[in-house]
Amino acid sequence: MYSSRMNRRQFLHRTATIASAALLPPSLLHAAGAAKRTATDQVALGRTGLKISRLGFGAGSNGGNVQRNLGQETFNKLIRYAHERGITYVDCAQNYKTFEWVGDAIKGLPREKIFLQSKIPGKPEDVLAAIDKHRKVYNTDYIDSMLIHCMVKHGWTDDWKRIMDGFDEAKSRKWIRAKGVSCHSLPALKTGAECDWTDVHLVRINPQGHVVDTMEEKWNATSDATRVSPVMTEIKKMHAKGHGVIGMKIIGNGDFTNAEDREKSIRFAMSQPEIHAVVIGFKNTAEIDEAIERINRALAAA
């Protein structure tokens, strides 16, 4: 008898709660946990313990020449516009033409609200000095994520062991918060996916298969849509290991001038739970606004 009364009371309470929720304005529903996912959400980057805006600002289109051609003042304004829109992840590299500009572009912005990813090419003789150079150029105490840049060979971890050890030392000194690799071939990608050393992967992916990783061990091999499934297989392995996964070449290295291609690629990336974030190279505010709009729409439909 007592149990029956309790069940009825619980039922009436739940019914009233549901009815009340239906009358709440959208802002309160958002606060109650019904928030929509957006391009500028701060998302967990695998098990790194770090958060990153779902959409990142790429400063390396065509080696950074696209952004360099804007001039530093316009580049700075573009970075700051992106930050105002909620894009806190900035992606650069030592061999981008914008490398020397990023420090000035982020100057005055709250450092704790920026996720700065950079990359070191080749095999520097003094790895710690190379990493320290990035800290000095960016005028920051630490780099959020530092990557070994553009691996193409199977088993690259053997040849780069000294570099990896240097990254480990830099992480222990808190000069970098996470370490990882960008790959430009499927053999290199497979090696990276199997490696427990890697915290973060920067992976070329789009559903058209344009400039994505192939079995050829060179960065500029011709690819097509048949290469997408093998790349996604490796991405799923990375995700299963708790590695952070960031998608690049979402706009096909800037070649997706057709809006339908951009929409298709963004919808694909946003439908893959194994991809934590994406980075896109921008050259004007309209491209930033479009990417945010397309990502938001894709997430709402997912």
Protein backbone atom coordinates (compact mmCIF):
# COMPACT_ATOMS: atom_id res chain seq x y z
CA MET A 1 0.00 0.00 0.00
CA TYR A 2 2.77 2.41 1.01
CA SER A 3 4.81 1.47 -2.09
CA SER A 4 1.82 2.08 -4.34
CA ARG A 5 1.25 5.58 -2.93
CA MET A 6 4.93 6.40 -3.42
CA ASN A 7 4.87 5.26 -7.02
CA ARG A 8 1.82 7.43 -7.72
CA ARG A 9 3.48 10.41 -6.04
CA GLN A 10 6.64 9.88 -8.09
CA PHE A 11 4.60 9.61 -11.26
CA LEU A 12 2.76 12.86 -10.59
CA HIS A 13 6.03 14.63 -9.77
CA ARG A 14 7.68 13.48 -12.98
CA THR A 15 4.63 14.45 -15.04
CA ALA A 16 4.64 17.93 -13.52
CA THR A 17 8.39 18.27 -14.16
CA ILE A 18 8.02 17.36 -17.83
CA ALA A 19 5.10 19.74 -18.26
CA SER A 20 7.03 22.58 -16.64
CA ALA A 21 10.08 21.94 -18.83
CA ALA A 22 7.94 22.24 -21.93
CA LEU A 23 7.10 25.81 -20.91
CA LEU A 24 10.68 26.89 -20.29
CA PRO A 25 12.23 29.43 -22.70
CA PRO A 26 15.14 28.17 -24.86
CA SER A 27 17.72 29.96 -22.71
CA LEU A 28 16.64 28.04 -19.61
CA LEU A 29 16.44 24.77 -21.49
CA HIS A 30 20.04 25.43 -22.59
CA ALA A 31 21.05 25.92 -18.98
CA ALA A 32 19.22 22.75 -17.99
CA GLY A 33 21.49 20.67 -20.20
CA ALA A 34 19.68 20.78 -23.54
CA ALA A 35 22.49 22.77 -25.19
CA LYS A 36 23.21 22.32 -28.85
CA ARG A 37 26.72 21.47 -29.99
CA THR A 38 28.48 24.24 -31.88
CA ALA A 39 31.65 24.97 -33.83
CA THR A 40 33.08 26.92 -30.90
CA ASP A 41 32.43 24.42 -28.12
CA GLN A 42 35.42 23.64 -25.93
CA VAL A 43 35.81 19.89 -26.48
CA ALA A 44 38.04 17.36 -24.75
CA LEU A 45 41.04 16.42 -26.90
CA GLY A 46 41.09 12.69 -26.29
CA ARG A 47 42.58 11.82 -22.91
CA THR A 48 45.15 14.63 -22.97
CA GLY A 49 43.26 16.53 -20.27
CA LEU A 50 43.19 19.53 -22.62
CA LYS A 51 40.24 21.29 -24.24
CA ILE A 52 40.17 22.84 -27.68
CA SER A 53 37.61 24.74 -29.74
CA ARG A 54 35.95 22.34 -32.14
CA LEU A 55 36.97 24.61 -35.02
CA GLY A 56 40.53 25.86 -35.32
CA PHE A 57 42.19 28.68 -37.25
CA GLY A 58 44.83 27.34 -39.64
CA ALA A 59 47.70 29.73 -40.36
CA GLY A 60 49.36 27.53 -42.97
CA SER A 61 47.33 27.58 -46.18
CA ASN A 62 49.77 26.84 -49.02
CA GLY A 63 52.60 26.88 -46.51
CA GLY A 64 51.17 30.04 -44.92
CA ASN A 65 51.55 32.05 -48.12
CA VAL A 66 47.80 32.69 -48.30
CA GLN A 67 47.76 34.27 -44.85
CA ARG A 68 51.14 35.96 -45.37
CA ASN A 69 49.79 37.73 -48.44
CA LEU A 70 47.18 39.41 -46.25
CA GLY A 71 49.86 41.42 -44.47
CA GLN A 72 50.46 41.23 -40.74
CA GLU A 73 47.88 43.82 -39.71
CA THR A 74 45.06 42.03 -41.55
CA PHE A 75 46.31 38.66 -40.30
CA ASN A 76 46.25 39.92 -36.71
CA LYS A 77 42.72 41.26 -37.13
CA LEU A 78 41.60 37.94 -38.60
CA ILE A 79 43.00 35.95 -35.66
CA ARG A 80 41.28 38.31 -33.25
CA TYR A 81 37.99 38.16 -35.16
CA ALA A 82 38.12 34.36 -34.98
CA HIS A 83 38.83 34.57 -31.24
CA GLU A 84 35.86 36.90 -30.73
CA ARG A 85 33.67 34.34 -32.50
CA GLY A 86 34.90 31.65 -30.08
CA ILE A 87 37.70 30.03 -32.09
CA THR A 88 40.47 29.61 -29.51
CA TYR A 89 42.57 27.00 -31.32
CA VAL A 90 45.34 28.43 -33.53
CA ASP A 91 47.43 26.07 -35.66
CA CYS A 92 50.86 27.04 -36.98
CA ALA A 93 54.28 25.54 -37.74
CA GLN A 94 57.92 26.54 -37.92
CA ASN A 95 58.02 26.30 -41.70
CA TYR A 96 54.83 28.32 -42.28
CA LYS A 97 55.32 31.85 -43.59
CA THR A 98 53.21 33.06 -40.66
CA PHE A 99 55.45 31.53 -37.97
CA GLU A 100 56.97 34.85 -36.93
CA TRP A 101 53.57 36.57 -36.92
CA VAL A 102 51.54 34.47 -34.50
CA GLY A 103 53.07 35.91 -31.33
CA ASP A 104 51.99 39.40 -32.29
CA ALA A 105 48.57 38.19 -33.45
CA ILE A 106 47.71 36.66 -30.06
CA LYS A 107 49.37 39.39 -27.99
CA GLY A 108 46.99 40.72 -25.35
CA LEU A 109 44.54 37.82 -25.66
CA PRO A 110 44.07 35.73 -22.49
CA ARG A 111 46.67 32.97 -22.84
CA GLU A 112 44.57 30.45 -20.91
CA LYS A 113 41.85 30.87 -23.54
CA ILE A 114 44.10 30.02 -26.47
CA PHE A 115 45.06 26.53 -27.63
CA LEU A 116 48.29 26.96 -29.57
CA GLN A 117 49.48 24.08 -31.72
CA SER A 118 52.81 24.20 -33.56
CA LYS A 119 55.06 21.83 -35.48
CA ILE A 120 58.77 21.21 -35.84
CA PRO A 121 60.13 19.89 -39.17
CA GLY A 122 63.09 17.60 -39.64
CA LYS A 123 65.53 16.48 -36.96
CA PRO A 124 66.94 19.49 -35.11
CA GLU A 125 70.32 18.83 -33.49
CA ASP A 126 69.13 20.43 -30.26
CA VAL A 127 65.48 19.51 -29.81
CA LEU A 128 64.96 21.54 -26.66
CA ALA A 129 66.43 24.63 -28.29
CA ALA A 130 64.09 24.14 -31.25
CA ILE A 131 61.07 23.92 -28.95
CA ASP A 132 62.28 26.89 -26.94
CA LYS A 133 62.46 28.89 -30.17
CA HIS A 134 58.72 28.38 -30.61
CA ARG A 135 58.08 29.65 -27.09
CA LYS A 136 60.15 32.75 -27.77
CA VAL A 137 58.64 33.46 -31.18
CA TYR A 138 55.11 33.07 -29.83
CA ASN A 139 56.06 34.95 -26.64
CA THR A 140 54.58 32.27 -24.40
CA ASP A 141 55.81 30.03 -21.58
CA TYR A 142 54.33 26.91 -23.16
CA ILE A 143 52.94 25.44 -26.36
CA ASP A 144 49.69 23.54 -25.84
CA SER A 145 50.45 20.92 -28.50
CA MET A 146 53.74 20.39 -30.32
CA LEU A 147 53.90 18.04 -33.29
CA ILE A 148 56.58 16.31 -35.30
CA HIS A 149 55.76 17.62 -38.76
CA CYS A 150 54.92 15.77 -41.97
CA MET A 151 55.89 12.15 -41.42
CA VAL A 152 55.68 9.94 -44.52
CA LYS A 153 57.71 6.82 -43.75
CA HIS A 154 56.53 3.60 -42.17
CA GLY A 155 58.32 3.06 -38.86
CA TRP A 156 59.22 6.74 -38.52
CA THR A 157 59.20 6.32 -34.74
CA ASP A 158 62.53 4.45 -34.94
CA ASP A 159 64.27 7.20 -36.90
CA TRP A 160 62.73 9.98 -34.79
CA LYS A 161 63.38 8.41 -31.38
CA ARG A 162 65.84 11.14 -30.39
CA ILE A 163 63.34 13.83 -31.36
CA MET A 164 60.56 12.07 -29.45
CA ASP A 165 62.78 11.89 -26.36
CA GLY A 166 63.36 15.63 -26.66
CA PHE A 167 59.62 16.23 -26.78
CA ASP A 168 59.24 14.09 -23.64
CA GLU A 169 61.81 16.22 -21.85
CA ALA A 170 60.07 19.42 -22.95
CA LYS A 171 56.77 18.05 -21.65
CA SER A 172 58.36 17.20 -18.30
CA ARG A 173 59.59 20.82 -18.13
CA LYS A 174 56.04 22.01 -18.96
CA TRP A 175 57.27 23.72 -22.13
CA ILE A 176 54.66 21.72 -24.02
CA ARG A 177 51.41 20.26 -22.70
CA ALA A 178 50.88 17.58 -25.35
CA LYS A 179 52.98 15.97 -28.08
CA GLY A 180 52.12 14.32 -31.32
CA VAL A 181 52.54 14.09 -35.06
CA SER A 182 51.12 15.18 -38.40
CA CYS A 183 51.30 12.47 -41.06
CA HIS A 184 51.13 12.69 -44.84
CA SER A 185 51.03 9.03 -45.88
CA LEU A 186 49.06 5.99 -44.77
CA PRO A 187 52.15 3.99 -43.70
CA ALA A 188 53.20 6.88 -41.45
CA LEU A 189 49.65 7.24 -40.17
CA LYS A 190 49.52 3.55 -39.26
CA THR A 191 52.80 3.86 -37.38
CA GLY A 192 51.50 6.89 -35.49
CA ALA A 193 48.21 5.20 -34.61
CA GLU A 194 50.05 2.23 -33.13
CA CYS A 195 52.44 4.40 -31.10
CA ASP A 196 51.56 4.99 -27.45
CA TRP A 197 53.93 7.98 -27.38
CA THR A 198 51.49 10.08 -29.40
CA ASP A 199 49.04 12.34 -27.55
CA VAL A 200 47.69 14.21 -30.58
CA HIS A 201 47.28 13.38 -34.28
CA LEU A 202 46.72 15.90 -37.06
CA VAL A 203 45.12 13.89 -39.87
CA ARG A 204 44.20 14.75 -43.47
CA ILE A 205 40.56 13.80 -44.02
CA ASN A 206 37.63 14.72 -46.26
CA PRO A 207 34.99 12.47 -47.89
CA GLN A 208 36.15 13.34 -51.40
CA GLY A 209 39.56 11.86 -50.57
CA HIS A 210 41.31 14.95 -51.92
CA VAL A 211 44.92 15.30 -50.65
CA VAL A 212 44.46 12.57 -48.03
CA ASP A 213 46.96 9.85 -47.09
CA THR A 214 47.78 7.05 -49.53
CA MET A 215 50.12 4.05 -49.43
CA GLU A 216 52.77 6.04 -51.28
CA GLU A 217 55.39 7.34 -48.87
CA LYS A 218 55.35 10.91 -50.12
CA TRP A 219 53.39 13.94 -48.91
CA ASN A 220 51.94 14.95 -52.29
CA ALA A 221 50.70 11.63 -53.69
CA THR A 222 47.49 11.76 -55.72
CA SER A 223 44.49 10.45 -53.77
CA ASP A 224 40.77 9.84 -54.24
CA ALA A 225 37.68 8.77 -52.30
CA THR A 226 38.90 5.16 -52.05
CA ARG A 227 41.51 6.35 -49.53
CA VAL A 228 38.96 7.69 -47.02
CA SER A 229 38.03 4.35 -45.45
CA PRO A 230 41.66 3.32 -44.69
CA VAL A 231 42.32 6.71 -43.10
CA MET A 232 39.16 6.45 -40.98
CA THR A 233 40.27 2.99 -39.84
CA GLU A 234 43.43 4.52 -38.39
CA ILE A 235 41.51 7.43 -36.87
CA LYS A 236 39.28 4.95 -35.05
CA LYS A 237 42.37 3.19 -33.69
CA MET A 238 43.71 6.52 -32.43
CA HIS A 239 40.42 7.34 -30.77
CA ALA A 240 40.23 3.92 -29.11
CA LYS A 241 43.66 4.56 -27.58
CA GLY A 242 42.49 7.88 -26.17
CA HIS A 243 44.62 9.97 -28.53
CA GLY A 244 43.43 13.42 -29.55
CA VAL A 245 42.39 13.57 -33.22
CA ILE A 246 42.25 16.80 -35.24
CA GLY A 247 41.13 16.74 -38.86
CA MET A 248 42.85 18.91 -41.46
CA LYS A 249 42.38 19.46 -45.22
CA ILE A 250 38.65 19.67 -44.52
CA ILE A 251 38.34 22.18 -47.37
CA GLY A 252 40.62 20.07 -49.60
CA ASN A 253 43.68 22.26 -49.16
CA GLY A 254 41.51 25.22 -50.20
CA ASP A 255 40.50 23.50 -53.45
CA PHE A 256 36.82 23.06 -52.51
CA THR A 257 35.66 26.25 -54.17
CA ASN A 258 32.24 24.70 -54.75
CA ALA A 259 30.00 25.30 -51.72
CA GLU A 260 28.51 21.82 -52.05
CA ASP A 261 31.95 20.28 -51.57
CA ARG A 262 32.54 22.34 -48.42
CA GLU A 263 29.15 21.38 -47.04
CA LYS A 264 29.71 17.70 -47.80
CA SER A 265 33.13 17.67 -46.15
CA ILE A 266 32.06 19.50 -43.01
CA ARG A 267 29.00 17.28 -42.59
CA PHE A 268 31.21 14.23 -42.92
CA ALA A 269 33.73 15.44 -40.33
CA MET A 270 31.03 16.42 -37.85
CA SER A 271 29.41 12.99 -38.18
CA GLN A 272 32.60 11.20 -37.06
CA PRO A 273 32.72 11.01 -33.23
CA GLU A 274 36.37 9.95 -33.45
CA ILE A 275 37.37 13.38 -34.80
CA HIS A 276 37.52 15.80 -31.88
CA ALA A 277 38.21 19.01 -33.78
CA VAL A 278 39.01 20.34 -37.24
CA VAL A 279 41.28 23.09 -38.50
CA ILE A 280 40.61 25.25 -41.55
CA GLY A 281 42.84 27.86 -43.14
CA PHE A 282 41.07 31.22 -43.39
CA LYS A 283 41.83 34.34 -45.40
CA ASN A 284 38.83 36.52 -44.54
CA THR A 285 36.02 36.92 -42.02
CA ALA A 286 33.39 35.61 -44.44
CA GLU A 287 35.15 32.21 -44.54
CA ILE A 288 35.20 32.09 -40.75
CA ASP A 289 31.49 32.91 -40.55
CA GLU A 290 30.66 30.34 -43.21
CA ALA A 291 32.61 27.56 -41.49
CA ILE A 292 30.93 28.26 -38.16
CA GLU A 293 27.50 28.30 -39.80
CA ARG A 294 28.10 25.07 -41.71
CA ILE A 295 29.50 23.26 -38.67
CA ASN A 296 26.62 24.41 -36.46
CA ARG A 297 24.12 23.23 -39.06
CA ALA A 298 25.87 19.88 -39.45
CA LEU A 299 25.96 19.32 -35.69
CA ALA A 300 22.29 20.19 -35.36
CA ALA A 301 21.45 17.61 -38.02
CA ALA A 302 23.66 14.88 -36.55
